Amino acid sequence: MTAAQAAVISSIDVRGNQRVDASTIRDYLTIKPGVNFSNADIDESVKRLFGTGLFADVGINQSGGTLVVQVVEYQIVNQVLFQGNKKIKDVQLSATVQLKPRGTYSPDSLDADAQAIRDAYARIGRDDATVTSEIMDLGDNRVNVVFKINEGGRTKISKINFVGNNAFSNRRLADVIATKRSTVLSFVLRDDIFDENRLRADEEALRRYYFNRGYADFQVISAFGELDENTNEYTVTITVEEGERYRFADISVDSALSEVSGDSLMPLVETRSGDVYNAKDVEDTIIALTEHLAGLGYPFAQVTPRGDRNFEDRTISVVYAIDQGAKAYVERIEIRGNVRTRDYVIRREFDVSEGDAFNQVLIQRAKRRLEALGFFETVDISTAPGSEADQVILVVDVVDKSTGEFSIGAGYSTGGDSAGPSIEGAVTERNFLGRGQYIRFSAGGGQNSRDYQLSFTEPYFLGRRISAGFDIYRRTRNYDHYDSETTGGTIRFGLPITETISAQLAYNLSKEEYTVDANCGATYNTAPCYLSAAIYNAAENSPWIKSSVSGGFVYNTIDDMKNPHAGIFANVSGEVAGLGGDAKFFKVTTRATYYHTLSEELDVVALLSGGAGHVSAFGSDGLRVFDQFQSNDRMIRGFAYGGIGPYDMNSGDDHVGGTTYFNASLEAQFPLPVIPESFGLKGAVFADAATLYGSDISVTGTDIVGTGMEWRASAGIGLIWASPFGPLRVDYAVPFLKQDTDEVEEFNFGVSTRF
């Protein structure tokens, strides 16, 4: 390109353009007819035209009084086609690539898209996928872009090695991290995909694990994966430096606020002198102090823990220093990366909004809440300077992940309402339409049962941190001499009171119908039926309408709900039936489970659980047999469903349940040797004790006995499997304390319900 300095042209001639109007091209030029221009103007005009992304080449020359602009337009993409892909659908790949139909084609975009496709396959565990591209010229400056994909095989993780760990075994640390070694179940669990982001999250998980168990100097020296291209398998190596284990020494609060003394804040401190150092207790203390000070009128107060290590006796003294802090406000919250989840679902997890005082503690709590939702692969919150010196911009970067699940499972139950083989399928969406709502539909059945249920939960009802939802269900059962059919629904609400305590309230309405076998007739309490008159009476007077209100409290300090090792889960609930309908009773139940790790090295966890319940009728009519408590495997193992407690002597010792129960269980869970931790298998030994007594059935023809407070006890072993279809377990229990009329059932197989 050449041009005279300070030249003037009288016209601009655009050549080579096919789709872009000449007037549009002239508008991008800094050169105008009748105005002096220089080489710098030509360079700037060329840059502007290239910057549009419309041209493969641009040339500008002066010919006499005419400026000649010669352009070569990029070709137009007619179609973007994918060949050979099965594991990732066309629609997903189309969203990954930059080249789009009716867009411009460029070689740089083609190369970038090929790499983006390879990256997409790496994210699903296919690192050896190859991508080649082909351009099909259709004429008229149009092309088809074809990506030919060889998906290859699944890239597995053959080994996960830990180096430098002495306090905890490789198996225990492998249980802490999300990256798992490949097993025969990996094709379902999809937990053996090597991902750098997941590995970085694993580093943080290890740090938290060690920091919460006394190792304040713990470091992850390195964490990386090596791919063996011959076997298409990764070897992951994580090198750590544990350091010494510390305990808390002196704990104090030093307040620089004139109106708030440090001693007055000591009751809010979670850390205790003599306890093993725990970073979570320090964090909880910071949060508690910060919130309390904000309530006292110090929204900018800053709590800084200062630790003083004593290397000789391996203790840490902690001083929580409090000062006024710099005044800063949140100018705005900027959310990025969320393709599916709506902005307001993320914003509502923050206790601060635009214009509020900036508080780093509350920001970190919001980060933990967002991570706990399970909607995102990663959550990162950073800050940027605002428009003024005292303004801060919060930048929230998230990466959405799949929240829909389809599960199907089968099992065999040896007792209870659904004895025999069973199968269940469920479709669950935890982030419905990106609104953070939960919806689930399940259908299942067995030899003598059918179950259908639809559940929906809105976690932020009316914009407040109150959950609201409903359940609609239908259940049918076929017993030896009668059938039951229950159709009902529940409207429920949940309210968090503190971080560990929540309240629940629900209204329940159901219709129950019972049908006695036709061949029983009036001989319900003699051969061949031996059916209790209490059951026969309920069937004769069905259908029954039950209208009730229930409520309760939950206390939860469990460290990991999927794999608990420490904490307490307790609930107490009450139900009042009689707001219309036929059932009239008051029922109260409670259950608590305490988890404690006996050996970190061997990963042995003990749990102690206990429960109780009582039901009383309103009025003199007593209770229906179906309103009384029935024994089950959550109450005591080793006995059949409904196999203990009061019974009707007039119906062949048919158990009719009781009005009161107490139960307790002691269990130890441990990993099975040799079997990889990624299989999710654990063993258990346990001992159970329970009593079910009392009766409030007043039906003519019954003779209820065995209403005393006789205790039963059993001991046994179990196998627990965290399967892809949900937690399952098999128990073998032998009763060593029982009554002659009890029904024994030593094996039990079914869903493992911890809480």
Foldseek 3Di string as FASTA:
>chain_A
DDDDAQDAAAEEAEPADDPDDPVVLVVLAPHDHPGTDGVVSVVSSQVSVVVVVFFPDWDWDDDPRYIYIYTHGAFFEQEEEEADDDPDDPVRLQVQADHDHRHGDDPVSVVVSQVSVCVVLLQLQQNPKHWDWDWADPPPRYIYIYIYIDSHDGQFAAEEAEAADDQADPQLLQVQAQAHGDDPQCVLVSSPRDDPLSQVVSQVSVVQVLQAQFQVPKHWPDWDWDADVVVSYIYIYIYMHRHDGAFAAAEWEAEPDPVDHGVVLVVLQQHDHPGTRGVVSVLSSQVSVQVVVVVVPQNAKHWDWDWDADVVVRYIYIYTYIDSHDWAFEQAEAEDADPFADPVVLVLLAPHGHGGTDDVSSVVSSLVVVVVLVFFPDWDWDWDDDPDNRYIYIYIYTHGDAQKDKFKDKDAWCFDQAHGIKIKIKIWGCQPRNQRKIWMWMWMHHPFKTKTKIKIKDCQPPNHRKIWIKMWMWMKGDDDFKIKIKTWMKIKMKADPDPFKIKMKMKIKMWMAMGGHPVCPPVCLHPPHLHAVLSVVCNVPDGWIKIKMKMKMWGWDFPDPLQGAFTKIKMKMKMATDPDIDFGKIKIKIKMKGKHQPGSHQRKIKMKMKMKMFMFGPDQQWGRLVVADWDDVVQPAFFHTSFDEKAWPSRVRRRSHAGMKIKMKIKMKGCDPPDRCVQQKIKMKMKMKMFTAHGGHDGPPTDIDRRDGAMWMKIWMKMWTCHSNAIKMKIAIHIPGDDPRGGGDGIGIDHDDDD
